[in-house]
Protein backbone atom coordinates (compact mmCIF):
# COMPACT_ATOMS: atom_id res chain seq x y z
CA ASN A 1 21.89 4.78 -4.94
CA ALA A 2 22.65 2.93 -1.70
CA GLY A 3 21.66 6.00 0.35
CA HIS A 4 18.01 5.50 -0.48
CA VAL A 5 17.92 2.22 1.42
CA VAL A 6 18.31 3.95 4.77
CA HIS A 7 14.97 5.80 4.46
CA LEU A 8 12.83 2.91 5.66
CA PRO A 9 14.66 2.34 8.97
CA TRP A 10 14.58 6.09 9.67
CA ALA A 11 10.86 6.23 8.83
CA LYS A 12 10.23 3.36 11.24
CA TYR A 13 12.28 5.24 13.87
CA HIS A 14 10.17 8.36 13.38
CA HIS A 15 7.00 6.28 13.57
CA LYS A 16 8.04 4.55 16.77
CA PHE A 17 9.25 7.62 18.65
CA SER A 18 7.25 10.48 17.13
CA GLY A 19 4.21 8.88 15.52
CA LEU A 20 3.04 7.93 12.09
CA ASP A 21 2.59 11.55 10.94
CA SER A 22 6.28 12.11 11.67
CA ALA A 23 7.26 9.10 9.56
CA ILE A 24 5.11 10.40 6.73
CA LEU A 25 6.72 13.83 6.90
CA TYR A 26 10.16 12.27 6.93
CA LEU A 27 9.46 10.14 3.85
CA GLU A 28 7.74 12.97 2.00
CA GLY A 29 10.83 15.06 2.54
CA GLN A 30 13.12 12.63 0.77
CA GLU A 31 14.17 13.28 -2.80
CA SER A 32 13.46 9.71 -3.89
CA LEU A 33 12.40 6.47 -2.26
CA ASN A 34 13.03 2.80 -2.97
CA ASP A 35 10.07 0.47 -3.32
CA SER A 36 10.08 -0.62 0.31
CA ALA A 37 9.98 2.97 1.59
CA SER A 38 7.25 3.85 -0.97
CA ALA A 39 5.19 0.88 0.14
CA TYR A 40 5.61 1.93 3.78
CA LEU A 41 4.49 5.45 2.88
CA ALA A 42 1.50 4.12 0.94
CA ALA A 43 0.44 2.03 3.96
CA ALA A 44 0.97 5.01 6.27
CA TYR A 45 -1.23 7.19 4.05
CA HIS A 46 -3.90 4.50 4.20
CA LYS A 47 -3.68 4.22 7.99
CA THR A 48 -4.12 7.99 8.33
CA GLY A 49 -7.11 8.05 5.95
CA ASN A 50 -5.31 9.59 2.97
CA PHE A 51 -6.65 6.97 0.59
CA ALA A 52 -6.14 8.94 -2.60
CA ARG A 53 -2.38 9.31 -1.99
CA SER A 54 -2.16 5.68 -0.94
CA LEU A 55 -3.87 4.61 -4.15
CA VAL A 56 -1.48 6.65 -6.30
CA LEU A 57 1.61 5.23 -4.59
CA TYR A 58 0.40 1.66 -4.85
CA GLU A 59 -0.39 2.25 -8.50
CA GLU A 60 3.17 3.49 -9.09
CA LEU A 61 4.57 0.46 -7.22
CA LEU A 62 2.51 -1.88 -9.41
CA LEU A 63 4.09 -0.33 -12.48
CA THR A 64 7.43 -1.73 -11.29
CA ASP A 65 6.09 -5.11 -10.08
CA GLN A 66 2.61 -6.14 -11.27
CA THR A 67 2.81 -9.52 -9.54
CA ASN A 68 3.57 -8.25 -6.03
CA GLY A 69 0.62 -9.47 -3.96
CA LEU A 70 1.22 -6.98 -1.17
CA TYR A 71 1.20 -4.00 -3.56
CA LEU A 72 -1.90 -5.36 -5.24
CA LEU A 73 -3.72 -5.88 -1.97
CA GLY A 74 -2.70 -2.42 -0.79
CA TYR A 75 -3.98 -0.99 -4.06
CA ALA A 76 -7.27 -2.88 -3.69
CA LEU A 77 -7.71 -1.66 -0.10
CA ALA A 78 -6.94 1.93 -1.04
CA ALA A 79 -9.40 1.79 -3.95
CA ASP A 80 -12.00 0.12 -1.72
CA SER A 81 -11.57 2.78 0.96
CA SER A 82 -11.76 5.55 -1.68
CA GLY A 83 -15.06 4.26 -2.97
CA ALA A 84 -13.56 3.22 -6.30
CA ASP A 85 -15.51 -0.04 -6.30
CA SER A 86 -14.74 -1.26 -9.83
CA ILE A 87 -10.99 -0.67 -9.38
CA ALA A 88 -11.13 -2.43 -5.98
CA ARG A 89 -13.00 -5.43 -7.41
CA ASP A 90 -10.48 -5.80 -10.23
CA ALA A 91 -7.51 -5.51 -7.88
CA TYR A 92 -8.96 -7.98 -5.36
CA ARG A 93 -9.57 -10.46 -8.19
CA ARG A 94 -6.05 -10.00 -9.48
CA ALA A 95 -4.66 -10.50 -5.94
CA LEU A 96 -6.63 -13.80 -5.67
CA SER A 97 -5.44 -14.96 -9.08
CA LEU A 98 -1.79 -14.59 -8.00
CA GLY A 99 -2.35 -17.28 -5.40
CA GLN A 100 -0.07 -15.53 -2.88
CA PRO A 101 -2.38 -14.35 -0.08
CA GLY A 102 -2.67 -16.39 3.10
CA ALA A 103 -5.93 -18.01 4.15
CA SER A 104 -7.09 -15.04 6.24
CA SER A 105 -6.38 -12.67 3.33
CA VAL A 106 -8.26 -14.93 0.91
CA ASP A 107 -11.26 -14.92 3.26
CA PHE A 108 -11.10 -11.15 3.57
CA ILE A 109 -10.76 -10.64 -0.20
CA ARG A 110 -13.76 -12.92 -0.81
CA GLN A 111 -15.83 -10.99 1.76
CA ARG A 112 -14.90 -7.69 0.09
CA LEU A 113 -15.71 -9.03 -3.37
CA THR A 114 -19.13 -10.16 -2.13
CA ALA A 115 -19.76 -6.76 -0.48
CA LEU A 116 -18.73 -4.91 -3.67
CA GLN A 117 -21.11 -6.83 -5.98
């Protein structure tokens, strides 16, 4: 449905003018979200410390696109922040194996993998 595409710009509007919590409330109130809006919501959950909800959303996004490096890195970060070390390690390794992250992301991922040993 083409109407779902408008959620992300409205969420960004809410974020800019009313704060991140307002963007989250807006997106949570929608009947369904496209992948871009879901990814935005997952990142917003992470930024507000709701790592469990972030992890679930990234997991759902990965079901639709297992090779999306951004979803995989978001999933790894959410798992890492939740204390799910083995899930985080696996996701970081998968993100590296895709070969998509930039140099700064590769350095960060390697640092996290070392810390999670």
